Amino acid sequence: MKRTAWMLVLAWALQPAGAMERGITEVGPPFVSGGVGLEEATALNDEKSHYALAILTATKGSGAFLAHVRIRITDEKSNQVLDTVMDGPWLLVDLAAGRYQVEAFQDTRTQTNVVTFGAGDHRQTVFYFTARDEAESN
């Protein structure tokens, strides 16, 4: 595991319990999800540079942040890397260089983005979903 990953795991272990969810992907690297409230959003923003991928979920039009969106990440060989429900609007994942399919699920709606990055790269992808009340009226 990279030195940065070990430092993040140690920081995770030493943190007091909070609303952010921290874990390890199915293939080993760490992830963190949250961003509800100013304190969490600031903490995640400070950590972003330690992760290869940042995922944001928001409402189309207003840009209001969305939580509880299911994210599934698979690698270029269709191996599942992560399957989690976001604990806030942000999900940071430390992935190895490569090409990944990122799927976001909210209710019955699904969106897919493909991200590719090399060693040391950082990418961000955003999923915008129509607000539930708007989707129900269409």
Foldseek 3Di string as FASTA:
>chain_A
DDPLQVVVVVVVVPDDDDLKDKDAWPVGGIKIAACPDDVSVVVVVVCQLSFQEKEFEAAPPPRHGDFQKWKWKAFPVRHTGHTDGGSTGMMGTHDAFGKMWIWIDDDHDIDIDIDGDHPSHHYYDYHHHHDPVVVVVD
